[in-house]
Amino acid sequence: MMYPCLFSVSFGELDVSPVTLAFLLILTIFVFSAVGLSSFNLVQSAMDDDDDES
């Protein structure tokens, strides 16, 4: 017999499976890197526009 969840991570009274925890971690890293890249491109384009007006 297979057990889909052999262990779980406890957050207080909430038990979270490792698959869910890994999915949330990957999603968090993806969103953080996307926002960082977008912010970097926005600042870079603002700096390039300032150089053209001078």
N, C-alpha and C. Protein backbone atom coordinates (compact mmCIF):
# COMPACT_ATOMS: atom_id res chain seq x y z
N MET A 1 0.84 -1.18 0.00
CA MET A 1 0.00 0.00 0.00
C MET A 1 0.88 1.25 0.00
N MET A 2 0.56 2.21 -0.87
CA MET A 2 1.35 3.45 -0.94
C MET A 2 0.73 4.51 -0.06
N TYR A 3 1.57 5.26 0.63
CA TYR A 3 1.14 6.40 1.43
C TYR A 3 1.61 7.66 0.73
N PRO A 4 0.68 8.49 0.22
CA PRO A 4 1.07 9.68 -0.54
C PRO A 4 1.82 10.71 0.30
N CYS A 5 1.54 10.77 1.56
CA CYS A 5 2.20 11.75 2.43
C CYS A 5 2.83 11.01 3.61
N LEU A 6 4.12 10.71 3.47
CA LEU A 6 4.79 9.97 4.54
C LEU A 6 5.09 10.85 5.74
N PHE A 7 5.33 12.13 5.49
CA PHE A 7 5.54 13.07 6.58
C PHE A 7 4.96 14.41 6.17
N SER A 8 4.74 15.25 7.15
CA SER A 8 4.18 16.57 6.87
C SER A 8 4.89 17.59 7.74
N VAL A 9 4.84 18.83 7.29
CA VAL A 9 5.45 19.93 8.01
C VAL A 9 4.34 20.62 8.79
N SER A 10 4.56 20.82 10.08
CA SER A 10 3.52 21.41 10.92
C SER A 10 3.77 22.90 11.13
N PHE A 11 2.74 23.68 10.90
CA PHE A 11 2.73 25.10 11.22
C PHE A 11 1.61 25.32 12.23
N GLY A 12 1.93 25.16 13.50
CA GLY A 12 0.90 25.23 14.53
C GLY A 12 -0.01 24.03 14.43
N GLU A 13 -1.28 24.28 14.16
CA GLU A 13 -2.24 23.18 14.01
C GLU A 13 -2.44 22.79 12.55
N LEU A 14 -1.74 23.44 11.64
CA LEU A 14 -1.89 23.18 10.21
C LEU A 14 -0.78 22.25 9.74
N ASP A 15 -1.15 21.15 9.13
CA ASP A 15 -0.19 20.21 8.57
C ASP A 15 -0.13 20.41 7.06
N VAL A 16 1.08 20.66 6.55
CA VAL A 16 1.28 20.94 5.13
C VAL A 16 2.17 19.85 4.55
N SER A 17 1.79 19.34 3.40
CA SER A 17 2.60 18.30 2.77
C SER A 17 3.86 18.93 2.17
N PRO A 18 4.92 18.18 2.03
CA PRO A 18 6.16 18.72 1.46
C PRO A 18 6.00 19.19 0.01
N VAL A 19 5.10 18.58 -0.74
CA VAL A 19 4.86 19.00 -2.13
C VAL A 19 4.27 20.41 -2.15
N THR A 20 3.32 20.67 -1.27
CA THR A 20 2.73 22.00 -1.18
C THR A 20 3.76 23.02 -0.73
N LEU A 21 4.58 22.66 0.22
CA LEU A 21 5.62 23.55 0.70
C LEU A 21 6.63 23.86 -0.39
N ALA A 22 7.01 22.87 -1.18
CA ALA A 22 7.95 23.08 -2.29
C ALA A 22 7.32 23.96 -3.36
N PHE A 23 6.03 23.75 -3.66
CA PHE A 23 5.34 24.58 -4.64
C PHE A 23 5.30 26.04 -4.20
N LEU A 24 4.99 26.28 -2.94
CA LEU A 24 4.95 27.65 -2.43
C LEU A 24 6.33 28.29 -2.44
N LEU A 25 7.36 27.53 -2.14
CA LEU A 25 8.72 28.05 -2.16
C LEU A 25 9.15 28.42 -3.58
N ILE A 26 8.87 27.56 -4.55
CA ILE A 26 9.21 27.84 -5.95
C ILE A 26 8.43 29.04 -6.47
N LEU A 27 7.14 29.12 -6.13
CA LEU A 27 6.32 30.26 -6.54
C LEU A 27 6.84 31.56 -5.93
N THR A 28 7.25 31.53 -4.68
CA THR A 28 7.79 32.71 -4.02
C THR A 28 9.08 33.16 -4.67
N ILE A 29 9.97 32.24 -4.98
CA ILE A 29 11.24 32.58 -5.63
C ILE A 29 10.98 33.15 -7.02
N PHE A 30 10.04 32.57 -7.76
CA PHE A 30 9.72 33.06 -9.11
C PHE A 30 9.17 34.48 -9.06
N VAL A 31 8.23 34.75 -8.16
CA VAL A 31 7.63 36.08 -8.07
C VAL A 31 8.67 37.09 -7.60
N PHE A 32 9.48 36.74 -6.63
CA PHE A 32 10.51 37.65 -6.14
C PHE A 32 11.51 38.01 -7.24
N SER A 33 11.93 37.03 -8.03
CA SER A 33 12.88 37.30 -9.10
C SER A 33 12.23 38.11 -10.23
N ALA A 34 10.96 37.86 -10.52
CA ALA A 34 10.26 38.62 -11.57
C ALA A 34 10.11 40.07 -11.16
N VAL A 35 9.76 40.34 -9.92
CA VAL A 35 9.63 41.72 -9.45
C VAL A 35 10.99 42.40 -9.42
N GLY A 36 12.02 41.69 -9.00
CA GLY A 36 13.36 42.27 -8.99
C GLY A 36 13.84 42.62 -10.38
N LEU A 37 13.63 41.73 -11.33
CA LEU A 37 14.04 41.98 -12.71
C LEU A 37 13.26 43.14 -13.32
N SER A 38 11.97 43.20 -13.06
CA SER A 38 11.14 44.29 -13.56
C SER A 38 11.57 45.63 -12.96
N SER A 39 11.85 45.64 -11.68
CA SER A 39 12.29 46.88 -11.02
C SER A 39 13.64 47.32 -11.56
N PHE A 40 14.54 46.38 -11.78
CA PHE A 40 15.85 46.71 -12.33
C PHE A 40 15.72 47.31 -13.72
N ASN A 41 14.87 46.72 -14.56
CA ASN A 41 14.67 47.25 -15.91
C ASN A 41 14.02 48.64 -15.88
N LEU A 42 13.11 48.87 -14.94
CA LEU A 42 12.47 50.17 -14.81
C LEU A 42 13.47 51.24 -14.41
N VAL A 43 14.32 50.95 -13.44
CA VAL A 43 15.34 51.90 -13.00
C VAL A 43 16.35 52.13 -14.12
N GLN A 44 16.73 51.08 -14.81
CA GLN A 44 17.69 51.21 -15.90
C GLN A 44 17.14 52.07 -17.03
N SER A 45 15.87 51.89 -17.38
CA SER A 45 15.29 52.70 -18.45
C SER A 45 15.12 54.15 -18.00
N ALA A 46 14.85 54.39 -16.73
CA ALA A 46 14.74 55.76 -16.22
C ALA A 46 16.10 56.45 -16.28
N MET A 47 17.17 55.74 -15.99
CA MET A 47 18.51 56.31 -16.05
C MET A 47 18.90 56.60 -17.50
N ASP A 48 18.51 55.73 -18.43
CA ASP A 48 18.83 55.95 -19.84
C ASP A 48 18.07 57.14 -20.39
N ASP A 49 16.82 57.36 -19.96
CA ASP A 49 16.04 58.51 -20.42
C ASP A 49 16.63 59.82 -19.92
N ASP A 50 17.19 59.83 -18.73
CA ASP A 50 17.82 61.05 -18.21
C ASP A 50 19.05 61.43 -19.02
N ASP A 51 19.79 60.47 -19.50
CA ASP A 51 21.00 60.75 -20.28
C ASP A 51 20.65 61.33 -21.65
N ASP A 52 19.53 60.93 -22.24
CA ASP A 52 19.15 61.40 -23.58
C ASP A 52 18.69 62.85 -23.57
N GLU A 53 18.08 63.31 -22.46
CA GLU A 53 17.57 64.67 -22.41
C GLU A 53 18.65 65.72 -22.23
N SER A 54 19.79 65.34 -21.71
CA SER A 54 20.86 66.31 -21.42
C SER A 54 21.56 66.76 -22.69
